[in-house]
Amino acid sequence: MDPWLVLALPVTLALVGVAGLRLSRAAVRRQFRHRARHLLFQFRARVDRYKLVERDRIREALLQDPVILAAISRHAEQAGTGEAEVRVKVNQYVDEIVPFFNVLSYYQLGYNLSRLTINLLYKATIEYRDQAGLERIPRRDVVVYLMNHRSNADYVVVAYVLARVVSISYAVGEWARTWPLEFVFKSFGSYFIRRQYREALYHTVLERYVQLITLNGVTQGIFPEGGLTRDGALRPVKIGLLDYIVRTLEEPGFDRDIWLVPVGINYDRVLEDRTLIRERIIGGERPSRLRQLAGVASYVGRNLFRLLTGQLKRYGRVAVAFGTPLSVRGWLAAQPAGLLALPKPERLPHIQRLAELALERIGAVIPVTPVPLAAAALLSFGSSVIPRSRVLDRMDELRDQLAEGDAKLVRGELPLSEVWDRAWRMLSMRRLVVRQGDDLVILPRERPLLEYYANSIRHLLPEEARIAWSPAAEPDTTLPRLATRQEMDIMTRDHLVPPRRPAGPAT
């Protein structure tokens, strides 16, 4: 056989194989693009164009940003290192922060997974308190959804609710920077932030990224409390991200408005509730790490068995309510001129007031589901044994007070006895309260969990009603209860509280 033929044959086969591979890859890409277009047509949702920009182009824009370049020089000078070394660090920050949005991942994987999870565990209620106000937002303007943070499931719930309106990019904490969560969240368009990291260089990179996507109209979702509530009540606001977003209005050529849409979320059961309150319980036992892991494994195992045997029951309601949007340009018009150009120490008090106004609007639209209403009624007696008939009367009183304050009661049109029955199914299933004849008995070790749910609606009640059932005023000091914010500050200062860890499912 001709030696040239022997040599040419494998080369030809290799070239044919490479060509076939390229063609197949091109076919796969075409199929993915076709599927992505089909999903967008099916959902009829808005996807901000900038979310589809290649990640390398965003990286290049950040690395050439004059503000970041100045921060690199400043950091190199202060640290006494070369700029090349600082650029390596900036590259790491960009890789960590910048996502890679994928339409198939968001709408094929994310939507179906969230729909399955929510419908499996809850009955969902959605309300728009000011539909006309939301519809009046110009399409070209930037929308930022501000939400209270009760559970890690909040990300899933709100994304599911908004799936047929817009794809939303979240600011996600470090708890999700583990495989495969990091890949999943980034493919959903979420960006990561280090909440307790104080380095100026990092915050410059984060700020410029947030302003870059705001400048290009990306719809975002942030939790102004900065983390999950540990006692059920709204936490004080964190203003860093909001300051970054609002200062985008100072960018040359940016003529859009920014709208802050308040979103209130509440649950009849938060999956990780016991884990969240553990560090705040006064008089409670702190379980060991091994015991916590055993509890989580037991929880997952029990519910998996219930799912496979068809015995898994829903955890009541999850309710989401959207409030009246707030125009940032409209708010700025009532503030001192040149506010956004002020030095940081002078500017932040004004941004703090804007954040508190937004949090107030979030609190006003938090829905009242059956379990929080029942928990508030039970705790209002200051006793562990309560006649059942009196609980219904107290729920009726609280419901009237909430209605007077324009609070949203989920299924408020139902008879009170049916609302109680819905709450009782959850309270008895979790053995927070037991029935003894005609009386209801609050189990001592479960009082903190009742406080956690009651606190979610406490701010909606009149001041006199809040004082009447304040758990901190419990006369029996031997009972476990949740620490107040002031007590928690003292315990943290005196190193009596272990450092916080990411919250997992409740045991």
Protein backbone atom coordinates (compact mmCIF):
# COMPACT_ATOMS: atom_id res chain seq x y z
CA MET A 1 0.00 0.00 0.00
CA ASP A 2 1.19 3.49 -0.81
CA PRO A 3 2.76 4.96 2.40
CA TRP A 4 1.24 8.35 1.58
CA LEU A 5 -2.19 6.73 1.57
CA VAL A 6 -1.49 5.17 4.96
CA LEU A 7 -0.61 8.61 6.31
CA ALA A 8 -3.48 10.45 4.61
CA LEU A 9 -6.21 8.07 5.76
CA PRO A 10 -6.05 8.82 9.52
CA VAL A 11 -5.57 12.53 8.81
CA THR A 12 -8.66 12.53 6.60
CA LEU A 13 -10.66 10.64 9.22
CA ALA A 14 -9.51 13.08 11.89
CA LEU A 15 -10.54 16.08 9.77
CA VAL A 16 -13.92 14.49 9.04
CA GLY A 17 -14.36 13.82 12.76
CA VAL A 18 -13.51 17.42 13.68
CA ALA A 19 -15.88 18.75 11.03
CA GLY A 20 -18.61 16.42 12.24
CA LEU A 21 -18.03 17.51 15.81
CA ARG A 22 -18.24 21.17 14.84
CA LEU A 23 -21.41 20.55 12.89
CA SER A 24 -22.95 18.63 15.78
CA ARG A 25 -21.96 21.36 18.25
CA ALA A 26 -23.43 23.97 15.93
CA ALA A 27 -26.61 21.89 15.68
CA VAL A 28 -26.80 21.62 19.45
CA ARG A 29 -26.31 25.39 19.82
CA ARG A 30 -29.06 26.02 17.25
CA GLN A 31 -31.33 23.66 19.13
CA PHE A 32 -30.61 25.45 22.42
CA ARG A 33 -31.27 28.86 20.86
CA HIS A 34 -34.52 27.57 19.35
CA ARG A 35 -35.59 26.17 22.72
CA ALA A 36 -34.67 29.43 24.46
CA ARG A 37 -36.75 31.48 21.99
CA HIS A 38 -39.65 29.07 22.47
CA LEU A 39 -39.49 29.46 26.26
CA LEU A 40 -39.43 33.26 26.04
CA PHE A 41 -42.43 33.17 23.71
CA GLN A 42 -44.20 30.72 26.04
CA PHE A 43 -43.67 32.79 29.19
CA ARG A 44 -43.96 36.16 27.43
CA ALA A 45 -41.64 37.50 30.13
CA ARG A 46 -39.20 40.35 29.78
CA VAL A 47 -35.52 39.42 29.79
CA ASP A 48 -33.25 42.44 30.12
CA ARG A 49 -30.96 42.49 27.08
CA TYR A 50 -27.85 43.14 29.13
CA LYS A 51 -28.28 39.82 30.92
CA LEU A 52 -27.57 38.11 27.60
CA VAL A 53 -24.26 39.93 27.11
CA GLU A 54 -21.25 37.62 27.20
CA ARG A 55 -19.48 37.43 30.53
CA ASP A 56 -16.11 38.32 28.96
CA ARG A 57 -17.49 41.63 27.70
CA ILE A 58 -18.74 42.51 31.18
CA ARG A 59 -15.35 41.56 32.62
CA GLU A 60 -13.61 43.77 30.06
CA ALA A 61 -15.92 46.70 30.85
CA LEU A 62 -15.15 46.39 34.56
CA LEU A 63 -11.39 45.99 34.12
CA GLN A 64 -11.31 49.13 31.96
CA ASP A 65 -13.55 51.13 34.29
CA PRO A 66 -11.66 54.32 35.33
CA VAL A 67 -13.01 54.07 38.88
CA ILE A 68 -11.70 50.50 39.27
CA LEU A 69 -8.37 51.42 37.67
CA ALA A 70 -7.98 54.25 40.17
CA ALA A 71 -8.89 51.86 43.02
CA ILE A 72 -6.23 49.40 41.80
CA SER A 73 -3.54 52.10 41.87
CA ARG A 74 -4.67 53.31 45.29
CA HIS A 75 -4.74 49.78 46.74
CA ALA A 76 -1.30 48.96 45.32
CA GLU A 77 0.14 52.10 46.86
CA GLN A 78 -1.46 51.49 50.26
CA ALA A 79 -0.51 47.80 50.37
CA GLY A 80 2.97 48.32 48.96
CA THR A 81 2.45 45.76 46.16
CA GLY A 82 2.61 45.90 42.38
CA GLU A 83 -0.46 46.76 40.30
CA ALA A 84 -0.19 43.44 38.46
CA GLU A 85 -0.74 41.60 41.72
CA VAL A 86 -3.73 43.77 42.56
CA ARG A 87 -5.19 43.14 39.10
CA VAL A 88 -5.08 39.40 39.81
CA LYS A 89 -7.15 40.04 42.94
CA VAL A 90 -9.61 42.19 41.00
CA ASN A 91 -9.96 39.41 38.40
CA GLN A 92 -10.85 37.02 41.24
CA TYR A 93 -13.49 39.44 42.53
CA VAL A 94 -14.98 39.81 39.03
CA ASP A 95 -15.12 36.01 38.58
CA GLU A 96 -16.83 35.70 41.95
CA ILE A 97 -19.41 38.44 41.39
CA VAL A 98 -20.38 38.33 37.69
CA PRO A 99 -23.00 35.69 36.72
CA PHE A 100 -23.67 34.00 33.38
CA PHE A 101 -27.41 34.14 32.74
CA ASN A 102 -28.87 31.21 30.82
CA VAL A 103 -32.45 31.31 29.53
CA LEU A 104 -32.80 27.51 29.57
CA SER A 105 -31.46 27.28 33.11
CA TYR A 106 -33.78 30.02 34.38
CA TYR A 107 -37.01 29.00 32.66
CA GLN A 108 -36.52 25.28 32.07
CA LEU A 109 -34.74 24.24 35.25
CA GLY A 110 -35.43 27.07 37.66
CA TYR A 111 -39.11 27.61 36.94
CA ASN A 112 -40.05 23.94 36.90
CA LEU A 113 -38.05 23.24 40.05
CA SER A 114 -39.59 26.18 41.89
CA ARG A 115 -43.10 25.25 40.72
CA LEU A 116 -42.60 21.67 41.89
CA THR A 117 -41.16 22.73 45.27
CA ILE A 118 -43.74 25.39 46.05
CA ASN A 119 -46.76 23.35 44.99
CA LEU A 120 -45.43 20.35 46.88
CA LEU A 121 -44.89 22.23 50.15
CA TYR A 122 -47.31 25.16 50.13
CA LYS A 123 -50.43 26.75 48.77
CA ALA A 124 -49.34 30.04 47.24
CA THR A 125 -51.23 33.33 47.54
CA ILE A 126 -50.24 36.37 45.46
CA GLU A 127 -51.63 39.88 45.80
CA TYR A 128 -50.91 43.18 44.07
CA ARG A 129 -51.88 45.97 46.45
CA ASP A 130 -51.39 48.64 43.77
CA GLN A 131 -51.68 47.00 40.36
CA ALA A 132 -52.29 50.35 38.67
CA GLY A 133 -49.12 51.80 40.20
CA LEU A 134 -47.05 48.88 38.93
CA GLU A 135 -48.53 49.20 35.44
CA ARG A 136 -47.64 52.91 35.36
CA ILE A 137 -43.89 52.20 35.62
CA PRO A 138 -42.43 53.08 32.19
CA ARG A 139 -41.05 50.03 30.46
CA ARG A 140 -37.63 51.62 29.91
CA ASP A 141 -37.15 52.45 33.60
CA VAL A 142 -35.23 50.26 36.04
CA VAL A 143 -37.11 48.18 38.62
CA VAL A 144 -35.64 46.91 41.87
CA TYR A 145 -37.71 44.57 44.05
CA LEU A 146 -37.07 45.04 47.78
CA MET A 147 -38.15 42.08 49.94
CA ASN A 148 -38.23 41.07 53.58
CA HIS A 149 -36.09 38.00 54.21
CA ARG A 150 -37.72 35.14 56.14
CA SER A 151 -36.34 32.05 54.43
CA ASN A 152 -33.80 30.91 51.87
CA ALA A 153 -36.89 29.82 49.95
CA ASP A 154 -37.68 33.51 49.35
CA TYR A 155 -35.46 33.43 46.25
CA VAL A 156 -37.46 30.56 44.82
CA VAL A 157 -40.86 31.95 45.77
CA VAL A 158 -40.42 35.43 44.27
CA ALA A 159 -38.70 34.14 41.11
CA TYR A 160 -41.63 31.74 40.61
CA VAL A 161 -44.21 34.49 41.14
CA LEU A 162 -42.46 36.86 38.70
CA ALA A 163 -41.50 34.22 36.10
CA ARG A 164 -44.18 35.33 33.64
CA VAL A 165 -43.40 39.02 34.17
CA VAL A 166 -39.62 39.41 34.24
CA SER A 167 -36.46 37.48 35.04
CA ILE A 168 -34.94 38.83 38.24
CA SER A 169 -31.27 39.02 39.23
CA TYR A 170 -30.70 38.54 42.95
CA ALA A 171 -27.94 39.73 45.22
CA VAL A 172 -26.99 36.46 46.94
CA GLY A 173 -24.90 36.05 50.09
CA GLU A 174 -21.90 33.78 50.55
CA TRP A 175 -24.04 30.94 51.92
CA ALA A 176 -24.76 29.87 48.32
CA ARG A 177 -21.12 29.84 47.19
CA THR A 178 -20.89 26.06 47.31
CA TRP A 179 -21.17 23.63 44.42
CA PRO A 180 -23.65 23.16 42.79
CA LEU A 181 -25.58 26.13 44.27
CA GLU A 182 -23.04 28.66 42.98
CA PHE A 183 -23.34 27.38 39.40
CA VAL A 184 -27.15 27.28 39.60
CA PHE A 185 -27.53 30.80 41.02
CA LYS A 186 -25.08 32.30 38.53
CA SER A 187 -26.90 30.64 35.64
CA PHE A 188 -30.07 32.30 36.98
CA GLY A 189 -28.33 35.69 36.67
CA SER A 190 -27.68 36.22 40.40
CA TYR A 191 -24.53 37.95 41.61
CA PHE A 192 -22.69 37.16 44.84
CA ILE A 193 -21.74 39.57 47.61
CA ARG A 194 -19.55 39.27 50.69
CA ARG A 195 -21.68 40.83 53.41
CA GLN A 196 -19.02 41.13 56.11
CA TYR A 197 -16.01 41.92 53.90
CA ARG A 198 -14.69 45.45 54.46
CA GLU A 199 -11.90 45.80 51.88
CA ALA A 200 -12.34 49.03 49.89
CA LEU A 201 -11.07 47.48 46.63
CA TYR A 202 -13.68 44.70 46.74
CA HIS A 203 -16.50 47.13 47.40
CA THR A 204 -15.37 49.33 44.51
CA VAL A 205 -15.59 46.34 42.13
CA LEU A 206 -18.99 45.33 43.55
CA GLU A 207 -20.31 48.88 43.37
CA ARG A 208 -19.26 49.35 39.76
CA TYR A 209 -20.79 46.02 38.75
CA VAL A 210 -24.10 46.87 40.44
CA GLN A 211 -24.09 50.30 38.79
CA LEU A 212 -23.18 48.76 35.42
CA ILE A 213 -26.18 46.43 35.39
CA THR A 214 -28.46 49.17 36.76
CA LEU A 215 -27.21 51.52 34.05
CA ASN A 216 -28.18 48.86 31.49
CA GLY A 217 -31.66 48.31 32.93
CA VAL A 218 -31.28 44.92 34.65
CA THR A 219 -34.15 44.11 37.01
CA GLN A 220 -32.79 43.24 40.45
CA GLY A 221 -34.03 41.77 43.71
CA ILE A 222 -32.38 42.64 47.02
CA PHE A 223 -33.11 42.06 50.70
CA PRO A 224 -32.56 45.42 52.46
CA GLU A 225 -32.34 43.69 55.86
CA GLY A 226 -29.06 42.16 54.72
CA GLY A 227 -29.86 38.66 55.97
CA LEU A 228 -32.47 36.29 57.34
CA THR A 229 -34.51 37.38 60.34
CA ARG A 230 -33.63 35.35 63.43
CA ASP A 231 -36.62 36.37 65.56
CA GLY A 232 -39.31 36.70 62.88
CA ALA A 233 -39.45 40.51 63.03
CA LEU A 234 -38.09 42.91 60.44
CA ARG A 235 -34.38 43.63 60.90
CA PRO A 236 -32.71 47.06 60.66
CA VAL A 237 -31.88 47.99 57.07
CA LYS A 238 -28.49 47.69 55.40
CA ILE A 239 -27.94 50.49 52.90
CA GLY A 240 -24.82 49.53 50.93
CA LEU A 241 -26.45 48.00 47.84
CA LEU A 242 -29.23 50.57 47.80
CA ASP A 243 -26.63 53.35 47.87
CA TYR A 244 -24.83 51.77 44.90
CA ILE A 245 -28.06 51.51 42.92
CA VAL A 246 -29.33 55.01 43.69
CA ARG A 247 -26.00 56.63 42.80
CA THR A 248 -26.37 55.25 39.26
CA LEU A 249 -28.58 58.31 38.68
CA GLU A 250 -25.36 60.34 38.73
CA GLU A 251 -23.93 58.48 35.72
CA PRO A 252 -23.62 60.66 32.59
CA GLY A 253 -26.36 60.00 30.06
CA PHE A 254 -28.52 57.94 32.43
CA ASP A 255 -31.97 59.50 32.00
CA ARG A 256 -34.15 56.67 33.31
CA ASP A 257 -35.85 56.50 36.68
CA ILE A 258 -35.31 53.76 39.28
CA TRP A 259 -38.40 52.28 40.92
CA LEU A 260 -38.29 50.46 44.25
CA VAL A 261 -41.10 47.90 44.49
CA PRO A 262 -41.81 46.68 48.06
CA VAL A 263 -42.51 42.95 48.37
CA GLY A 264 -43.85 41.34 51.56
CA ILE A 265 -43.44 37.58 52.14
CA ASN A 266 -44.87 35.41 54.89
CA TYR A 267 -45.23 31.69 55.60
CA ASP A 268 -47.29 29.35 57.74
CA ARG A 269 -44.06 27.40 58.09
CA VAL A 270 -40.48 28.46 57.39
CA LEU A 271 -38.41 25.40 56.57
CA GLU A 272 -35.37 26.46 58.61
CA ASP A 273 -37.27 28.16 61.47
CA ARG A 274 -35.76 26.15 64.35
CA THR A 275 -32.25 26.66 63.03
CA LEU A 276 -32.83 30.41 62.71
CA ILE A 277 -34.11 30.96 66.26
CA ARG A 278 -31.63 28.61 67.98
CA GLU A 279 -29.06 31.26 68.82
CA ARG A 280 -31.69 33.67 70.18
CA ILE A 281 -33.36 31.35 72.70
CA ILE A 282 -32.91 32.37 76.34
CA GLY A 283 -33.06 29.41 78.70
CA GLY A 284 -32.81 26.94 75.82
CA GLU A 285 -30.27 24.19 75.27
CA ARG A 286 -27.67 24.64 72.52
CA PRO A 287 -27.42 21.30 70.66
CA SER A 288 -24.07 19.96 69.54
CA ARG A 289 -23.03 20.00 65.87
CA LEU A 290 -23.49 16.21 65.70
CA ARG A 291 -26.99 16.50 67.09
CA GLN A 292 -27.83 19.22 64.56
CA LEU A 293 -26.61 17.08 61.66
CA ALA A 294 -28.56 14.10 62.98
CA GLY A 295 -31.67 16.27 63.21
CA VAL A 296 -31.32 17.53 59.63
CA ALA A 297 -30.77 13.97 58.34
CA SER A 298 -33.82 12.78 60.27
CA TYR A 299 -35.92 15.65 58.88
CA VAL A 300 -34.90 14.92 55.28
CA GLY A 301 -35.39 11.17 55.75
CA ARG A 302 -38.86 11.50 57.27
CA ASN A 303 -40.10 13.84 54.56
CA LEU A 304 -38.60 11.75 51.79
CA PHE A 305 -40.42 8.72 53.17
CA ARG A 306 -43.67 10.73 53.36
CA LEU A 307 -43.20 11.89 49.78
CA LEU A 308 -42.59 8.38 48.46
CA THR A 309 -45.57 6.97 50.37
CA GLY A 310 -47.90 9.83 49.47
CA GLN A 311 -48.19 11.00 53.10
CA LEU A 312 -46.39 14.35 52.73
CA LYS A 313 -48.69 17.20 53.74
CA ARG A 314 -48.38 20.81 52.70
CA TYR A 315 -47.02 23.35 55.17
CA GLY A 316 -49.94 25.74 54.86
CA ARG A 317 -49.65 29.04 53.01
CA VAL A 318 -46.85 31.04 51.48
CA ALA A 319 -48.08 34.52 50.64
CA VAL A 320 -46.45 37.25 48.55
CA ALA A 321 -47.77 40.81 48.26
CA PHE A 322 -46.51 43.67 46.07
CA GLY A 323 -46.91 47.23 47.32
CA THR A 324 -46.90 50.71 45.80
CA PRO A 325 -43.66 51.40 43.87
CA LEU A 326 -41.45 54.28 44.96
CA SER A 327 -39.78 56.52 42.36
CA VAL A 328 -36.20 57.33 43.37
CA ARG A 329 -36.15 60.46 41.20
CA GLY A 330 -39.41 61.53 42.82
CA TRP A 331 -37.91 60.96 46.28
CA LEU A 332 -34.74 62.88 45.34
CA ALA A 333 -36.82 65.85 44.19
CA ALA A 334 -37.91 66.36 47.82
CA GLN A 335 -34.33 66.11 49.15
CA PRO A 336 -31.51 68.68 49.26
CA ALA A 337 -30.05 69.43 45.82
CA GLY A 338 -26.91 67.51 44.92
CA LEU A 339 -27.51 64.84 47.55
CA LEU A 340 -25.92 62.01 45.57
CA ALA A 341 -22.75 64.02 45.01
CA LEU A 342 -22.21 64.56 48.74
CA PRO A 343 -19.31 62.80 50.50
CA LYS A 344 -20.23 59.38 51.85
CA PRO A 345 -20.60 60.39 55.54
CA GLU A 346 -23.03 63.16 54.58
CA ARG A 347 -24.89 61.14 51.95
CA LEU A 348 -25.56 57.92 53.87
CA PRO A 349 -27.98 59.39 56.46
CA HIS A 350 -30.25 60.41 53.57
CA ILE A 351 -29.97 56.96 51.94
CA GLN A 352 -30.74 55.48 55.37
CA ARG A 353 -34.04 57.38 55.42
CA LEU A 354 -34.87 56.13 51.92
CA ALA A 355 -34.10 52.54 53.00
CA GLU A 356 -36.25 52.90 56.12
CA LEU A 357 -39.10 54.30 54.02
CA ALA A 358 -38.81 51.29 51.70
CA LEU A 359 -38.72 48.89 54.67
CA GLU A 360 -41.80 50.56 56.11
CA ARG A 361 -43.62 49.92 52.83
CA ILE A 362 -42.44 46.31 52.83
CA GLY A 363 -43.71 45.84 56.39
CA ALA A 364 -47.08 47.35 55.47
CA VAL A 365 -47.73 44.71 52.78
CA ILE A 366 -46.50 41.61 54.65
CA PRO A 367 -49.45 39.19 54.45
CA VAL A 368 -51.05 37.73 57.59
CA THR A 369 -51.31 33.96 57.18
CA PRO A 370 -53.25 31.74 59.64
CA VAL A 371 -50.30 30.49 61.75
CA PRO A 372 -48.88 33.95 62.66
CA LEU A 373 -52.38 35.16 63.54
CA ALA A 374 -53.03 32.14 65.77
CA ALA A 375 -49.56 32.41 67.37
CA ALA A 376 -50.14 36.07 68.25
CA ALA A 377 -53.52 35.22 69.77
CA LEU A 378 -52.11 32.35 71.87
CA LEU A 379 -49.23 34.42 73.23
CA SER A 380 -51.44 37.37 74.10
CA PHE A 381 -52.78 35.65 77.23
CA GLY A 382 -49.45 35.48 79.06
CA SER A 383 -50.31 31.94 80.12
CA SER A 384 -49.47 28.43 78.96
CA VAL A 385 -53.06 27.13 79.34
CA ILE A 386 -55.79 28.93 77.41
CA PRO A 387 -59.46 28.05 76.87
CA ARG A 388 -59.96 27.34 73.18
CA SER A 389 -63.06 29.56 72.97
CA ARG A 390 -61.07 32.55 74.23
CA VAL A 391 -58.43 31.99 71.55
CA LEU A 392 -61.04 32.35 68.82
CA ASP A 393 -62.35 35.56 70.44
CA ARG A 394 -58.81 36.97 70.62
CA MET A 395 -58.14 36.04 67.00
CA ASP A 396 -61.30 37.90 66.07
CA GLU A 397 -60.06 40.99 67.96
CA LEU A 398 -56.66 40.85 66.31
CA ARG A 399 -58.21 40.35 62.90
CA ASP A 400 -60.32 43.49 63.38
CA GLN A 401 -57.27 45.48 64.50
CA LEU A 402 -55.28 44.28 61.49
CA ALA A 403 -58.14 45.10 59.11
CA GLU A 404 -58.34 48.64 60.55
CA GLY A 405 -54.66 49.07 59.73
CA ASP A 406 -55.27 47.88 56.15
CA ALA A 407 -53.24 44.71 56.65
CA LYS A 408 -53.77 41.87 54.20
CA LEU A 409 -55.30 38.80 55.82
CA VAL A 410 -54.83 35.72 53.67
CA ARG A 411 -58.21 34.08 53.16
CA GLY A 412 -59.71 36.75 55.39
CA GLU A 413 -63.13 36.08 53.88
CA LEU A 414 -63.27 32.66 55.58
CA PRO A 415 -65.11 32.12 58.88
CA LEU A 416 -62.76 32.51 61.84
CA SER A 417 -63.24 28.88 62.86
CA GLU A 418 -61.89 27.75 59.48
CA VAL A 419 -58.87 30.06 59.76
CA TRP A 420 -58.17 28.55 63.18
CA ASP A 421 -58.55 25.01 61.81
CA ARG A 422 -55.93 25.75 59.13
CA ALA A 423 -53.54 27.12 61.76
CA TRP A 424 -54.30 24.27 64.19
CA ARG A 425 -53.31 21.63 61.65
CA MET A 426 -49.82 23.11 61.55
CA LEU A 427 -49.53 23.85 65.28
CA SER A 428 -50.62 20.36 66.28
CA MET A 429 -48.57 18.62 63.57
CA ARG A 430 -45.43 20.28 64.93
CA ARG A 431 -46.55 19.81 68.56
CA LEU A 432 -46.25 23.48 69.43
CA VAL A 433 -49.62 23.38 71.14
CA VAL A 434 -51.60 20.40 72.45
CA ARG A 435 -55.28 20.06 73.32
CA GLN A 436 -56.28 19.13 76.86
CA GLY A 437 -60.03 18.91 77.16
CA ASP A 438 -61.43 22.33 76.27
CA ASP A 439 -58.06 23.98 76.86
CA LEU A 440 -55.01 24.52 74.70
CA VAL A 441 -51.57 24.07 76.25
CA ILE A 442 -48.46 25.82 74.86
CA LEU A 443 -45.56 23.46 75.35
CA PRO A 444 -42.81 25.40 77.18
CA ARG A 445 -39.98 24.49 74.81
CA GLU A 446 -42.03 25.61 71.81
CA ARG A 447 -42.84 29.13 72.97
CA PRO A 448 -39.88 30.67 71.09
CA LEU A 449 -41.15 29.22 67.82
CA LEU A 450 -44.59 30.72 68.43
CA GLU A 451 -42.88 34.07 69.09
CA TYR A 452 -41.02 33.75 65.80
CA TYR A 453 -44.27 33.48 63.83
CA ALA A 454 -46.16 36.06 65.88
CA ASN A 455 -43.31 38.57 65.41
CA SER A 456 -43.84 38.52 61.65
CA ILE A 457 -47.09 40.50 62.06
CA ARG A 458 -46.36 42.31 65.32
CA HIS A 459 -45.50 45.58 63.55
CA LEU A 460 -48.94 45.56 61.92
CA LEU A 461 -50.76 45.69 65.25
CA PRO A 462 -51.50 48.83 67.30
CA GLU A 463 -48.96 49.69 69.99
CA GLU A 464 -51.28 48.68 72.84
CA ALA A 465 -51.83 45.27 71.28
CA ARG A 466 -48.07 44.72 70.92
CA ILE A 467 -47.43 45.46 74.59
CA ALA A 468 -50.23 43.13 75.68
CA TRP A 469 -48.48 40.04 74.38
CA SER A 470 -44.82 41.03 74.44
CA PRO A 471 -42.91 37.75 74.99
CA ALA A 472 -40.08 39.68 76.65
CA ALA A 473 -42.53 40.57 79.44
CA GLU A 474 -43.31 36.91 80.19
CA PRO A 475 -43.64 36.69 84.02
CA ASP A 476 -42.20 33.18 84.24
CA THR A 477 -38.48 33.78 83.64
CA THR A 478 -37.72 30.04 83.60
CA LEU A 479 -39.52 29.55 80.27
CA PRO A 480 -37.44 29.60 77.08
CA ARG A 481 -38.06 32.73 75.01
CA LEU A 482 -36.40 34.70 72.22
CA ALA A 483 -33.90 37.35 73.22
CA THR A 484 -34.80 40.93 72.39
CA ARG A 485 -32.53 42.87 70.04
CA GLN A 486 -30.96 44.67 73.02
CA GLU A 487 -30.32 41.38 74.86
CA MET A 488 -28.87 39.88 71.69
CA ASP A 489 -26.44 42.79 71.32
CA ILE A 490 -25.25 42.27 74.89
CA MET A 491 -24.81 38.50 74.44
CA THR A 492 -22.91 39.02 71.18
CA ARG A 493 -20.68 41.62 72.79
CA ASP A 494 -19.94 39.29 75.71
CA HIS A 495 -19.25 36.33 73.34
CA LEU A 496 -22.16 34.31 74.71
CA VAL A 497 -23.54 33.57 71.25
CA PRO A 498 -21.76 31.30 68.75
CA PRO A 499 -21.00 32.77 65.30
CA ARG A 500 -23.82 32.49 62.79
CA ARG A 501 -23.78 29.74 60.22
CA PRO A 502 -25.89 29.40 57.05
CA ALA A 503 -29.37 28.22 57.98
CA GLY A 504 -30.46 24.76 56.87
CA PRO A 505 -33.78 22.94 57.15
CA ALA A 506 -35.44 22.80 60.54
CA THR A 507 -35.25 19.59 62.54
